């Protein structure tokens, strides 16, 4: 089973991880997933590091989520909590990976600059 950790502090973020690598997997994401079923992190693997390419929407979402945006070195460049039906969120810096987590997973402390790893 894959887990997500902060690299420097080795703190567990979430113990279950799924990956969205294909166009269809990235397109569907967590749309139409019920809150009861969402007990995992979904890691989106983008083709390039980009602000626009890493922007997300919350259309057809049934629950709020915490979101991490990582650069190519898996360093957190932005994080936010989004509510269902939010039209668009674009990260403040370019991202190569986007991780969607159940709302309340992320600590309120500053995460920007920490590196993340999955194993």
PDB file of N, CA and C in Angstrom:
ATOM      1  N   UNK A   1       0.841  -1.182   0.000  1.00  0.00           N
ATOM      2  CA  UNK A   1       0.000   0.000   0.000  1.00  0.00           C
ATOM      3  C   UNK A   1       0.886   1.246   0.000  1.00  0.00           C
ATOM      4  N   UNK A   2       0.532   2.225  -0.785  1.00  0.00           N
ATOM      5  CA  UNK A   2       1.296   3.459  -0.885  1.00  0.00           C
ATOM      6  C   UNK A   2       0.864   4.430   0.206  1.00  0.00           C
ATOM      7  N   UNK A   3       1.818   5.172   0.749  1.00  0.00           N
ATOM      8  CA  UNK A   3       1.549   6.212   1.740  1.00  0.00           C
ATOM      9  C   UNK A   3       2.207   7.497   1.288  1.00  0.00           C
ATOM     10  N   UNK A   4       1.710   8.636   1.782  1.00  0.00           N
ATOM     11  CA  UNK A   4       2.308   9.936   1.486  1.00  0.00           C
ATOM     12  C   UNK A   4       2.872  10.506   2.778  1.00  0.00           C
ATOM     13  N   UNK A   5       4.124  10.974   2.713  1.00  0.00           N
ATOM     14  CA  UNK A   5       4.814  11.542   3.865  1.00  0.00           C
ATOM     15  C   UNK A   5       5.395  12.897   3.502  1.00  0.00           C
ATOM     16  N   UNK A   6       5.634  13.747   4.532  1.00  0.00           N
ATOM     17  CA  UNK A   6       6.499  14.901   4.320  1.00  0.00           C
ATOM     18  C   UNK A   6       7.914  14.356   4.430  1.00  0.00           C
ATOM     19  N   UNK A   7       8.782  14.770   3.542  1.00  0.00           N
ATOM     20  CA  UNK A   7      10.122  14.176   3.469  1.00  0.00           C
ATOM     21  C   UNK A   7      11.009  14.616   4.634  1.00  0.00           C
ATOM     22  N   UNK A   8      11.011  15.913   4.969  1.00  0.00           N
ATOM     23  CA  UNK A   8      11.907  16.427   6.006  1.00  0.00           C
ATOM     24  C   UNK A   8      11.533  15.907   7.390  1.00  0.00           C
ATOM     25  N   UNK A   9      10.263  15.987   7.719  1.00  0.00           N
ATOM     26  CA  UNK A   9       9.815  15.587   9.051  1.00  0.00           C
ATOM     27  C   UNK A   9       9.357  14.133   9.098  1.00  0.00           C
ATOM     28  N   UNK A  10       9.226  13.502   7.937  1.00  0.00           N
ATOM     29  CA  UNK A  10       8.755  12.123   7.820  1.00  0.00           C
ATOM     30  C   UNK A  10       7.401  11.925   8.501  1.00  0.00           C
ATOM     31  N   UNK A  11       6.544  12.957   8.425  1.00  0.00           N
ATOM     32  CA  UNK A  11       5.206  12.875   9.002  1.00  0.00           C
ATOM     33  C   UNK A  11       4.250  12.258   7.987  1.00  0.00           C
ATOM     34  N   UNK A  12       3.481  11.305   8.439  1.00  0.00           N
ATOM     35  CA  UNK A  12       2.486  10.674   7.581  1.00  0.00           C
ATOM     36  C   UNK A  12       1.377  11.670   7.284  1.00  0.00           C
ATOM     37  N   UNK A  13       1.071  11.852   6.002  1.00  0.00           N
ATOM     38  CA  UNK A  13      -0.064  12.681   5.612  1.00  0.00           C
ATOM     39  C   UNK A  13      -1.287  11.791   5.439  1.00  0.00           C
ATOM     40  N   UNK A  14      -1.150  10.720   4.685  1.00  0.00           N
ATOM     41  CA  UNK A  14      -2.263   9.793   4.480  1.00  0.00           C
ATOM     42  C   UNK A  14      -1.716   8.430   4.094  1.00  0.00           C
ATOM     43  N   UNK A  15      -2.379   7.391   4.564  1.00  0.00           N
ATOM     44  CA  UNK A  15      -1.881   6.028   4.383  1.00  0.00           C
ATOM     45  C   UNK A  15      -2.348   5.353   3.098  1.00  0.00           C
ATOM     46  N   UNK A  16      -3.378   5.872   2.450  1.00  0.00           N
ATOM     47  CA  UNK A  16      -3.868   5.264   1.203  1.00  0.00           C
ATOM     48  C   UNK A  16      -3.730   6.269   0.074  1.00  0.00           C
ATOM     49  N   UNK A  17      -3.152   5.823  -1.032  1.00  0.00           N
ATOM     50  CA  UNK A  17      -2.896   6.714  -2.164  1.00  0.00           C
ATOM     51  C   UNK A  17      -3.306   6.028  -3.461  1.00  0.00           C
ATOM     52  N   UNK A  18      -3.961   6.791  -4.330  1.00  0.00           N
ATOM     53  CA  UNK A  18      -4.242   6.343  -5.693  1.00  0.00           C
ATOM     54  C   UNK A  18      -3.606   7.358  -6.632  1.00  0.00           C
ATOM     55  N   UNK A  19      -3.286   6.925  -7.842  1.00  0.00           N
ATOM     56  CA  UNK A  19      -2.620   7.797  -8.802  1.00  0.00           C
ATOM     57  C   UNK A  19      -3.486   7.998 -10.036  1.00  0.00           C
ATOM     58  N   UNK A  20      -3.499   9.229 -10.538  1.00  0.00           N
ATOM     59  CA  UNK A  20      -4.211   9.579 -11.775  1.00  0.00           C
ATOM     60  C   UNK A  20      -3.157   9.982 -12.797  1.00  0.00           C
ATOM     61  N   UNK A  21      -2.823   9.050 -13.693  1.00  0.00           N
ATOM     62  CA  UNK A  21      -1.760   9.294 -14.675  1.00  0.00           C
ATOM     63  C   UNK A  21      -2.302   9.509 -16.086  1.00  0.00           C
ATOM     64  N   UNK A  22      -3.416   8.874 -16.409  1.00  0.00           N
ATOM     65  CA  UNK A  22      -3.957   8.986 -17.765  1.00  0.00           C
ATOM     66  C   UNK A  22      -4.901  10.183 -17.867  1.00  0.00           C
ATOM     67  N   UNK A  23      -5.200  10.579 -19.097  1.00  0.00           N
ATOM     68  CA  UNK A  23      -6.130  11.688 -19.310  1.00  0.00           C
ATOM     69  C   UNK A  23      -7.473  11.411 -18.634  1.00  0.00           C
ATOM     70  N   UNK A  24      -7.996  10.221 -18.827  1.00  0.00           N
ATOM     71  CA  UNK A  24      -9.304   9.875 -18.258  1.00  0.00           C
ATOM     72  C   UNK A  24      -9.272   9.894 -16.736  1.00  0.00           C
ATOM     73  N   UNK A  25      -8.230   9.331 -16.140  1.00  0.00           N
ATOM     74  CA  UNK A  25      -8.110   9.336 -14.675  1.00  0.00           C
ATOM     75  C   UNK A  25      -8.028  10.759 -14.138  1.00  0.00           C
ATOM     76  N   UNK A  26      -7.255  11.613 -14.814  1.00  0.00           N
ATOM     77  CA  UNK A  26      -7.142  13.012 -14.374  1.00  0.00           C
ATOM     78  C   UNK A  26      -8.454  13.756 -14.598  1.00  0.00           C
ATOM     79  N   UNK A  27      -9.132  13.487 -15.709  1.00  0.00           N
ATOM     80  CA  UNK A  27     -10.391  14.160 -16.017  1.00  0.00           C
ATOM     81  C   UNK A  27     -11.452  13.832 -14.964  1.00  0.00           C
ATOM     82  N   UNK A  28     -11.578  12.558 -14.616  1.00  0.00           N
ATOM     83  CA  UNK A  28     -12.598  12.146 -13.654  1.00  0.00           C
ATOM     84  C   UNK A  28     -12.242  12.529 -12.226  1.00  0.00           C
ATOM     85  N   UNK A  29     -10.972  12.384 -11.858  1.00  0.00           N
ATOM     86  CA  UNK A  29     -10.544  12.751 -10.513  1.00  0.00           C
ATOM     87  C   UNK A  29     -11.475  12.206  -9.449  1.00  0.00           C
ATOM     88  N   UNK A  30     -11.950  13.104  -8.592  1.00  0.00           N
ATOM     89  CA  UNK A  30     -12.855  12.702  -7.517  1.00  0.00           C
ATOM     90  C   UNK A  30     -14.304  13.081  -7.798  1.00  0.00           C
ATOM     91  N   UNK A  31     -14.588  13.511  -9.041  1.00  0.00           N
ATOM     92  CA  UNK A  31     -15.971  13.856  -9.366  1.00  0.00           C
ATOM     93  C   UNK A  31     -16.867  12.652  -9.114  1.00  0.00           C
ATOM     94  N   UNK A  32     -17.993  12.908  -8.515  1.00  0.00           N
ATOM     95  CA  UNK A  32     -19.026  11.905  -8.252  1.00  0.00           C
ATOM     96  C   UNK A  32     -18.632  10.874  -7.188  1.00  0.00           C
ATOM     97  N   UNK A  33     -17.500  11.060  -6.521  1.00  0.00           N
ATOM     98  CA  UNK A  33     -17.104  10.160  -5.433  1.00  0.00           C
ATOM     99  C   UNK A  33     -17.815  10.630  -4.166  1.00  0.00           C
ATOM    100  N   UNK A  34     -18.409   9.709  -3.428  1.00  0.00           N
ATOM    101  CA  UNK A  34     -19.117  10.096  -2.202  1.00  0.00           C
ATOM    102  C   UNK A  34     -18.114  10.317  -1.073  1.00  0.00           C
ATOM    103  N   UNK A  35     -18.465  11.169  -0.101  1.00  0.00           N
ATOM    104  CA  UNK A  35     -17.562  11.407   1.033  1.00  0.00           C
ATOM    105  C   UNK A  35     -17.189  10.117   1.770  1.00  0.00           C
ATOM    106  N   UNK A  36     -18.085   9.157   1.834  1.00  0.00           N
ATOM    107  CA  UNK A  36     -17.787   7.884   2.514  1.00  0.00           C
ATOM    108  C   UNK A  36     -16.687   7.109   1.810  1.00  0.00           C
ATOM    109  N   UNK A  37     -16.607   7.235   0.491  1.00  0.00           N
ATOM    110  CA  UNK A  37     -15.611   6.494  -0.289  1.00  0.00           C
ATOM    111  C   UNK A  37     -14.260   7.192  -0.343  1.00  0.00           C
ATOM    112  N   UNK A  38     -14.211   8.478   0.027  1.00  0.00           N
ATOM    113  CA  UNK A  38     -12.978   9.246  -0.132  1.00  0.00           C
ATOM    114  C   UNK A  38     -12.137   9.186   1.142  1.00  0.00           C
ATOM    115  N   UNK A  39     -11.355   8.122   1.269  1.00  0.00           N
ATOM    116  CA  UNK A  39     -10.462   7.954   2.416  1.00  0.00           C
ATOM    117  C   UNK A  39      -9.019   7.774   1.945  1.00  0.00           C
ATOM    118  N   UNK A  40      -8.690   8.400   0.823  1.00  0.00           N
ATOM    119  CA  UNK A  40      -7.370   8.242   0.216  1.00  0.00           C
ATOM    120  C   UNK A  40      -6.927   9.567  -0.410  1.00  0.00           C
ATOM    121  N   UNK A  41      -5.640   9.637  -0.709  1.00  0.00           N
ATOM    122  CA  UNK A  41      -5.093  10.769  -1.461  1.00  0.00           C
ATOM    123  C   UNK A  41      -5.092  10.385  -2.933  1.00  0.00           C
ATOM    124  N   UNK A  42      -5.448  11.332  -3.786  1.00  0.00           N
ATOM    125  CA  UNK A  42      -5.386  11.107  -5.232  1.00  0.00           C
ATOM    126  C   UNK A  42      -4.291  12.004  -5.789  1.00  0.00           C
ATOM    127  N   UNK A  43      -3.239  11.391  -6.340  1.00  0.00           N
ATOM    128  CA  UNK A  43      -2.092  12.123  -6.883  1.00  0.00           C
ATOM    129  C   UNK A  43      -2.253  12.241  -8.397  1.00  0.00           C
ATOM    130  N   UNK A  44      -2.348  13.476  -8.884  1.00  0.00           N
ATOM    131  CA  UNK A  44      -2.428  13.745 -10.319  1.00  0.00           C
ATOM    132  C   UNK A  44      -1.017  13.975 -10.842  1.00  0.00           C
ATOM    133  N   UNK A  45      -0.613  13.219 -11.847  1.00  0.00           N
ATOM    134  CA  UNK A  45       0.694  13.358 -12.481  1.00  0.00           C
ATOM    135  C   UNK A  45       0.490  14.158 -13.765  1.00  0.00           C
ATOM    136  N   UNK A  46       0.946  15.414 -13.775  1.00  0.00           N
ATOM    137  CA  UNK A  46       0.797  16.270 -14.951  1.00  0.00           C
ATOM    138  C   UNK A  46       1.965  16.031 -15.905  1.00  0.00           C
ATOM    139  N   UNK A  47       1.759  16.322 -17.177  1.00  0.00           N
ATOM    140  CA  UNK A  47       2.830  16.154 -18.166  1.00  0.00           C
ATOM    141  C   UNK A  47       3.953  17.152 -17.944  1.00  0.00           C
ATOM    142  N   UNK A  48       3.600  18.391 -17.630  1.00  0.00           N
ATOM    143  CA  UNK A  48       4.584  19.458 -17.462  1.00  0.00           C
ATOM    144  C   UNK A  48       4.293  20.229 -16.186  1.00  0.00           C
ATOM    145  N   UNK A  49       5.293  20.949 -15.717  1.00  0.00           N
ATOM    146  CA  UNK A  49       5.110  21.847 -14.589  1.00  0.00           C
ATOM    147  C   UNK A  49       4.461  23.125 -15.117  1.00  0.00           C
ATOM    148  N   UNK A  50       3.288  23.469 -14.593  1.00  0.00           N
ATOM    149  CA  UNK A  50       2.526  24.586 -15.136  1.00  0.00           C
ATOM    150  C   UNK A  50       1.528  25.096 -14.105  1.00  0.00           C
ATOM    151  N   UNK A  51       1.221  26.383 -14.159  1.00  0.00           N
ATOM    152  CA  UNK A  51       0.152  26.919 -13.314  1.00  0.00           C
ATOM    153  C   UNK A  51      -1.208  26.574 -13.907  1.00  0.00           C
ATOM    154  N   UNK A  52      -1.374  26.863 -15.196  1.00  0.00           N
ATOM    155  CA  UNK A  52      -2.662  26.620 -15.848  1.00  0.00           C
ATOM    156  C   UNK A  52      -2.968  25.121 -15.910  1.00  0.00           C
ATOM    157  N   UNK A  53      -1.980  24.320 -16.259  1.00  0.00           N
ATOM    158  CA  UNK A  53      -2.187  22.874 -16.353  1.00  0.00           C
ATOM    159  C   UNK A  53      -2.506  22.222 -15.020  1.00  0.00           C
ATOM    160  N   UNK A  54      -2.119  22.865 -13.923  1.00  0.00           N
ATOM    161  CA  UNK A  54      -2.378  22.315 -12.588  1.00  0.00           C
ATOM    162  C   UNK A  54      -3.622  22.920 -11.940  1.00  0.00           C
ATOM    163  N   UNK A  55      -4.289  23.841 -12.642  1.00  0.00           N
ATOM    164  CA  UNK A  55      -5.496  24.439 -12.062  1.00  0.00           C
ATOM    165  C   UNK A  55      -6.599  23.385 -11.994  1.00  0.00           C
ATOM    166  N   UNK A  56      -7.448  23.501 -10.988  1.00  0.00           N
ATOM    167  CA  UNK A  56      -8.504  22.507 -10.800  1.00  0.00           C
ATOM    168  C   UNK A  56      -9.847  23.192 -10.576  1.00  0.00           C
ATOM    169  N   UNK A  57     -10.912  22.430 -10.789  1.00  0.00           N
ATOM    170  CA  UNK A  57     -12.265  22.898 -10.486  1.00  0.00           C
ATOM    171  C   UNK A  57     -12.904  21.892  -9.542  1.00  0.00           C
ATOM    172  N   UNK A  58     -14.028  22.292  -8.972  1.00  0.00           N
ATOM    173  CA  UNK A  58     -14.738  21.428  -8.031  1.00  0.00           C
ATOM    174  C   UNK A  58     -16.148  21.093  -8.520  1.00  0.00           C
ATOM    175  N   UNK A  59     -16.379  21.226  -9.825  1.00  0.00           N
ATOM    176  CA  UNK A  59     -17.689  20.905 -10.376  1.00  0.00           C
ATOM    177  C   UNK A  59     -17.993  19.424 -10.165  1.00  0.00           C
ATOM    178  N   UNK A  60     -19.213  19.116  -9.811  1.00  0.00           N
ATOM    179  CA  UNK A  60     -19.692  17.755  -9.571  1.00  0.00           C
ATOM    180  C   UNK A  60     -19.037  17.084  -8.365  1.00  0.00           C
ATOM    181  N   UNK A  61     -18.383  17.877  -7.531  1.00  0.00           N
ATOM    182  CA  UNK A  61     -17.789  17.337  -6.306  1.00  0.00           C
ATOM    183  C   UNK A  61     -18.843  17.328  -5.209  1.00  0.00           C
ATOM    184  N   UNK A  62     -18.778  16.305  -4.354  1.00  0.00           N
ATOM    185  CA  UNK A  62     -19.773  16.143  -3.302  1.00  0.00           C
ATOM    186  C   UNK A  62     -19.239  16.490  -1.920  1.00  0.00           C
ATOM    187  N   UNK A  63     -17.953  16.857  -1.831  1.00  0.00           N
ATOM    188  CA  UNK A  63     -17.367  17.153  -0.527  1.00  0.00           C
ATOM    189  C   UNK A  63     -16.204  18.117  -0.704  1.00  0.00           C
ATOM    190  N   UNK A  64     -15.867  18.872   0.349  1.00  0.00           N
ATOM    191  CA  UNK A  64     -14.671  19.718   0.280  1.00  0.00           C
ATOM    192  C   UNK A  64     -13.418  18.843   0.318  1.00  0.00           C
ATOM    193  N   UNK A  65     -12.308  19.385  -0.191  1.00  0.00           N
ATOM    194  CA  UNK A  65     -11.040  18.649  -0.184  1.00  0.00           C
ATOM    195  C   UNK A  65      -9.889  19.589   0.157  1.00  0.00           C
ATOM    196  N   UNK A  66      -8.831  19.034   0.712  1.00  0.00           N
ATOM    197  CA  UNK A  66      -7.554  19.725   0.860  1.00  0.00           C
ATOM    198  C   UNK A  66      -6.744  19.407  -0.391  1.00  0.00           C
ATOM    199  N   UNK A  67      -5.990  20.385  -0.882  1.00  0.00           N
ATOM    200  CA  UNK A  67      -5.219  20.192  -2.112  1.00  0.00           C
ATOM    201  C   UNK A  67      -3.786  20.671  -1.909  1.00  0.00           C
ATOM    202  N   UNK A  68      -2.828  19.830  -2.290  1.00  0.00           N
ATOM    203  CA  UNK A  68      -1.408  20.188  -2.312  1.00  0.00           C
ATOM    204  C   UNK A  68      -0.972  20.312  -3.763  1.00  0.00           C
ATOM    205  N   UNK A  69      -0.183  21.327  -4.059  1.00  0.00           N
ATOM    206  CA  UNK A  69       0.416  21.502  -5.384  1.00  0.00           C
ATOM    207  C   UNK A  69       1.920  21.368  -5.207  1.00  0.00           C
ATOM    208  N   UNK A  70       2.543  20.449  -5.973  1.00  0.00           N
ATOM    209  CA  UNK A  70       3.974  20.170  -5.846  1.00  0.00           C
ATOM    210  C   UNK A  70       4.688  20.473  -7.149  1.00  0.00           C
ATOM    211  N   UNK A  71       5.931  20.963  -7.043  1.00  0.00           N
ATOM    212  CA  UNK A  71       6.732  21.167  -8.247  1.00  0.00           C
ATOM    213  C   UNK A  71       7.362  19.840  -8.670  1.00  0.00           C
ATOM    214  N   UNK A  72       8.223  19.871  -9.665  1.00  0.00           N
ATOM    215  CA  UNK A  72       8.831  18.643 -10.194  1.00  0.00           C
ATOM    216  C   UNK A  72       9.704  17.928  -9.162  1.00  0.00           C
ATOM    217  N   UNK A  73      10.208  18.660  -8.168  1.00  0.00           N
ATOM    218  CA  UNK A  73      11.019  18.058  -7.106  1.00  0.00           C
ATOM    219  C   UNK A  73      10.156  17.594  -5.931  1.00  0.00           C
ATOM    220  N   UNK A  74       8.827  17.647  -6.115  1.00  0.00           N
ATOM    221  CA  UNK A  74       7.841  17.256  -5.100  1.00  0.00           C
ATOM    222  C   UNK A  74       7.879  18.163  -3.876  1.00  0.00           C
ATOM    223  N   UNK A  75       8.219  19.418  -4.103  1.00  0.00           N
ATOM    224  CA  UNK A  75       8.189  20.424  -3.045  1.00  0.00           C
ATOM    225  C   UNK A  75       6.838  21.133  -3.101  1.00  0.00           C
ATOM    226  N   UNK A  76       6.215  21.332  -1.943  1.00  0.00           N
ATOM    227  CA  UNK A  76       4.912  21.993  -1.890  1.00  0.00           C
ATOM    228  C   UNK A  76       5.073  23.461  -2.267  1.00  0.00           C
ATOM    229  N   UNK A  77       4.360  23.877  -3.319  1.00  0.00           N
ATOM    230  CA  UNK A  77       4.412  25.273  -3.768  1.00  0.00           C
ATOM    231  C   UNK A  77       3.121  26.017  -3.436  1.00  0.00           C
ATOM    232  N   UNK A  78       2.062  25.285  -3.097  1.00  0.00           N
ATOM    233  CA  UNK A  78       0.790  25.904  -2.721  1.00  0.00           C
ATOM    234  C   UNK A  78      -0.080  24.834  -2.072  1.00  0.00           C
ATOM    235  N   UNK A  79      -0.995  25.261  -1.218  1.00  0.00           N
ATOM    236  CA  UNK A  79      -1.988  24.350  -0.653  1.00  0.00           C
ATOM    237  C   UNK A  79      -3.231  25.144  -0.310  1.00  0.00           C
ATOM    238  N   UNK A  80      -4.369  24.468  -0.362  1.00  0.00           N
ATOM    239  CA  UNK A  80      -5.638  25.136  -0.106  1.00  0.00           C
ATOM    240  C   UNK A  80      -6.689  24.104   0.271  1.00  0.00           C
ATOM    241  N   UNK A  81      -7.810  24.580   0.772  1.00  0.00           N
ATOM    242  CA  UNK A  81      -9.004  23.765   0.977  1.00  0.00           C
ATOM    243  C   UNK A  81     -10.076  24.325   0.060  1.00  0.00           C
ATOM    244  N   UNK A  82     -10.724  23.459  -0.709  1.00  0.00           N
ATOM    245  CA  UNK A  82     -11.741  23.899  -1.666  1.00  0.00           C
ATOM    246  C   UNK A  82     -13.088  23.268  -1.343  1.00  0.00           C
ATOM    247  N   UNK A  83     -14.143  24.043  -1.593  1.00  0.00           N
ATOM    248  CA  UNK A  83     -15.510  23.580  -1.370  1.00  0.00           C
ATOM    249  C   UNK A  83     -16.102  23.070  -2.680  1.00  0.00           C
ATOM    250  N   UNK A  84     -17.111  22.192  -2.577  1.00  0.00           N
ATOM    251  CA  UNK A  84     -17.765  21.700  -3.793  1.00  0.00           C
ATOM    252  C   UNK A  84     -18.289  22.848  -4.658  1.00  0.00           C
ATOM    253  N   UNK A  85     -18.207  22.645  -5.953  1.00  0.00           N
ATOM    254  CA  UNK A  85     -18.716  23.541  -6.984  1.00  0.00           C
ATOM    255  C   UNK A  85     -17.901  24.825  -7.145  1.00  0.00           C
ATOM    256  N   UNK A  86     -16.720  24.918  -6.549  1.00  0.00           N
ATOM    257  CA  UNK A  86     -15.841  26.064  -6.829  1.00  0.00           C
ATOM    258  C   UNK A  86     -15.452  25.989  -8.304  1.00  0.00           C
ATOM    259  N   UNK A  87     -15.529  27.104  -8.994  1.00  0.00           N
ATOM    260  CA  UNK A  87     -15.317  27.117 -10.444  1.00  0.00           C
ATOM    261  C   UNK A  87     -13.872  26.826 -10.823  1.00  0.00           C
ATOM    262  N   UNK A  88     -12.903  27.471 -10.164  1.00  0.00           N
ATOM    263  CA  UNK A  88     -11.511  27.287 -10.571  1.00  0.00           C
ATOM    264  C   UNK A  88     -10.571  27.699  -9.447  1.00  0.00           C
ATOM    265  N   UNK A  89      -9.459  26.969  -9.324  1.00  0.00           N
ATOM    266  CA  UNK A  89      -8.363  27.383  -8.455  1.00  0.00           C
ATOM    267  C   UNK A  89      -7.073  27.137  -9.222  1.00  0.00           C
ATOM    268  N   UNK A  90      -6.268  28.177  -9.333  1.00  0.00           N
ATOM    269  CA  UNK A  90      -4.967  28.091  -9.990  1.00  0.00           C
ATOM    270  C   UNK A  90      -3.896  28.278  -8.926  1.00  0.00           C
ATOM    271  N   UNK A  91      -2.923  27.384  -8.839  1.00  0.00           N
ATOM    272  CA  UNK A  91      -1.887  27.524  -7.812  1.00  0.00           C
ATOM    273  C   UNK A  91      -1.057  28.790  -8.023  1.00  0.00           C
ATOM    274  N   UNK A  92      -0.456  29.278  -6.939  1.00  0.00           N
ATOM    275  CA  UNK A  92       0.344  30.502  -7.019  1.00  0.00           C
ATOM    276  C   UNK A  92       1.639  30.284  -7.796  1.00  0.00           C
ATOM    277  N   UNK A  93       2.128  29.040  -7.847  1.00  0.00           N
ATOM    278  CA  UNK A  93       3.324  28.705  -8.623  1.00  0.00           C
ATOM    279  C   UNK A  93       3.048  27.468  -9.460  1.00  0.00           C
ATOM    280  N   UNK A  94       3.860  27.260 -10.471  1.00  0.00           N
ATOM    281  CA  UNK A  94       3.696  26.105 -11.361  1.00  0.00           C
ATOM    282  C   UNK A  94       3.823  24.798 -10.576  1.00  0.00           C
ATOM    283  N   UNK A  95       3.019  23.811 -10.951  1.00  0.00           N
ATOM    284  CA  UNK A  95       3.021  22.515 -10.273  1.00  0.00           C
ATOM    285  C   UNK A  95       3.077  21.379 -11.288  1.00  0.00           C
ATOM    286  N   UNK A  96       3.731  20.313 -10.903  1.00  0.00           N
ATOM    287  CA  UNK A  96       3.827  19.087 -11.710  1.00  0.00           C
ATOM    288  C   UNK A  96       2.893  18.009 -11.157  1.00  0.00           C
ATOM    289  N   UNK A  97       2.636  18.069  -9.851  1.00  0.00           N
ATOM    290  CA  UNK A  97       1.761  17.111  -9.181  1.00  0.00           C
ATOM    291  C   UNK A  97       0.699  17.873  -8.388  1.00  0.00           C
ATOM    292  N   UNK A  98      -0.506  17.335  -8.379  1.00  0.00           N
ATOM    293  CA  UNK A  98      -1.593  17.871  -7.561  1.00  0.00           C
ATOM    294  C   UNK A  98      -2.100  16.705  -6.723  1.00  0.00           C
ATOM    295  N   UNK A  99      -2.211  16.920  -5.421  1.00  0.00           N
ATOM    296  CA  UNK A  99      -2.686  15.862  -4.528  1.00  0.00           C
ATOM    297  C   UNK A  99      -3.980  16.322  -3.871  1.00  0.00           C
ATOM    298  N   UNK A 100      -5.045  15.566  -4.101  1.00  0.00           N
ATOM    299  CA  UNK A 100      -6.341  15.857  -3.489  1.00  0.00           C
ATOM    300  C   UNK A 100      -6.537  14.913  -2.310  1.00  0.00           C
ATOM    301  N   UNK A 101      -6.845  15.512  -1.149  1.00  0.00           N
ATOM    302  CA  UNK A 101      -6.977  14.769   0.105  1.00  0.00           C
ATOM    303  C   UNK A 101      -8.328  15.055   0.741  1.00  0.00           C
ATOM    304  N   UNK A 102      -8.812  14.170   1.621  1.00  0.00           N
ATOM    305  CA  UNK A 102     -10.036  14.489   2.353  1.00  0.00           C
ATOM    306  C   UNK A 102      -9.849  15.791   3.143  1.00  0.00           C
ATOM    307  N   UNK A 103     -10.884  16.628   3.183  1.00  0.00           N
ATOM    308  CA  UNK A 103     -10.801  17.893   3.922  1.00  0.00           C
ATOM    309  C   UNK A 103     -10.447  17.620   5.381  1.00  0.00           C
ATOM    310  N   UNK A 104      -9.569  18.453   5.934  1.00  0.00           N
ATOM    311  CA  UNK A 104      -9.144  18.299   7.314  1.00  0.00           C
ATOM    312  C   UNK A 104      -7.914  17.429   7.481  1.00  0.00           C
ATOM    313  N   UNK A 105      -7.391  16.886   6.384  1.00  0.00           N
ATOM    314  CA  UNK A 105      -6.196  16.041   6.450  1.00  0.00           C
ATOM    315  C   UNK A 105      -4.951  16.872   6.729  1.00  0.00           C
ATOM    316  N   UNK A 106      -4.881  18.057   6.120  1.00  0.00           N
ATOM    317  CA  UNK A 106      -3.684  18.888   6.243  1.00  0.00           C
ATOM    318  C   UNK A 106      -3.674  19.647   7.556  1.00  0.00           C
ATOM    319  N   UNK A 107      -2.518  19.708   8.210  1.00  0.00           N
ATOM    320  CA  UNK A 107      -2.419  20.500   9.432  1.00  0.00           C
ATOM    321  C   UNK A 107      -2.480  21.982   9.084  1.00  0.00           C
ATOM    322  N   UNK A 108      -2.939  22.815  10.019  1.00  0.00           N
ATOM    323  CA  UNK A 108      -3.024  24.247   9.729  1.00  0.00           C
ATOM    324  C   UNK A 108      -1.658  24.936   9.676  1.00  0.00           C
ATOM    325  N   UNK A 109      -0.595  24.229  10.025  1.00  0.00           N
ATOM    326  CA  UNK A 109       0.746  24.822  10.004  1.00  0.00           C
ATOM    327  C   UNK A 109       1.205  25.071   8.569  1.00  0.00           C
ATOM    328  N   UNK A 110       2.249  25.841   8.431  1.00  0.00           N
ATOM    329  CA  UNK A 110       2.780  26.164   7.114  1.00  0.00           C
ATOM    330  C   UNK A 110       3.386  24.932   6.463  1.00  0.00           C
ATOM    331  N   UNK A 111       2.941  24.637   5.264  1.00  0.00           N
ATOM    332  CA  UNK A 111       3.430  23.479   4.521  1.00  0.00           C
ATOM    333  C   UNK A 111       4.312  23.875   3.351  1.00  0.00           C
ATOM    334  N   UNK A 112       4.186  25.116   2.886  1.00  0.00           N
ATOM    335  CA  UNK A 112       4.924  25.547   1.704  1.00  0.00           C
ATOM    336  C   UNK A 112       6.420  25.322   1.904  1.00  0.00           C
ATOM    337  N   UNK A 113       7.047  24.709   0.914  1.00  0.00           N
ATOM    338  CA  UNK A 113       8.484  24.455   0.959  1.00  0.00           C
ATOM    339  C   UNK A 113       8.844  23.047   1.402  1.00  0.00           C
ATOM    340  N   UNK A 114       7.937  22.355   2.097  1.00  0.00           N
ATOM    341  CA  UNK A 114       8.219  20.970   2.485  1.00  0.00           C
ATOM    342  C   UNK A 114       8.188  20.073   1.258  1.00  0.00           C
ATOM    343  N   UNK A 115       8.989  19.044   1.270  1.00  0.00           N
ATOM    344  CA  UNK A 115       8.970  18.052   0.190  1.00  0.00           C
ATOM    345  C   UNK A 115       8.078  16.887   0.614  1.00  0.00           C
ATOM    346  N   UNK A 116       7.445  16.298  -0.377  1.00  0.00           N
ATOM    347  CA  UNK A 116       6.529  15.184  -0.144  1.00  0.00           C
ATOM    348  C   UNK A 116       7.057  13.969  -0.891  1.00  0.00           C
ATOM    349  N   UNK A 117       6.857  12.800  -0.334  1.00  0.00           N
ATOM    350  CA  UNK A 117       7.232  11.568  -1.024  1.00  0.00           C
ATOM    351  C   UNK A 117       6.121  10.553  -0.826  1.00  0.00           C
ATOM    352  N   UNK A 118       6.016   9.639  -1.767  1.00  0.00           N
ATOM    353  CA  UNK A 118       5.090   8.524  -1.602  1.00  0.00           C
ATOM    354  C   UNK A 118       5.873   7.253  -1.771  1.00  0.00           C
ATOM    355  N   UNK A 119       5.520   6.267  -0.963  1.00  0.00           N
ATOM    356  CA  UNK A 119       6.190   4.965  -1.022  1.00  0.00           C
ATOM    357  C   UNK A 119       5.220   3.877  -0.676  1.00  0.00           C
TER     358      UNK A 119
END
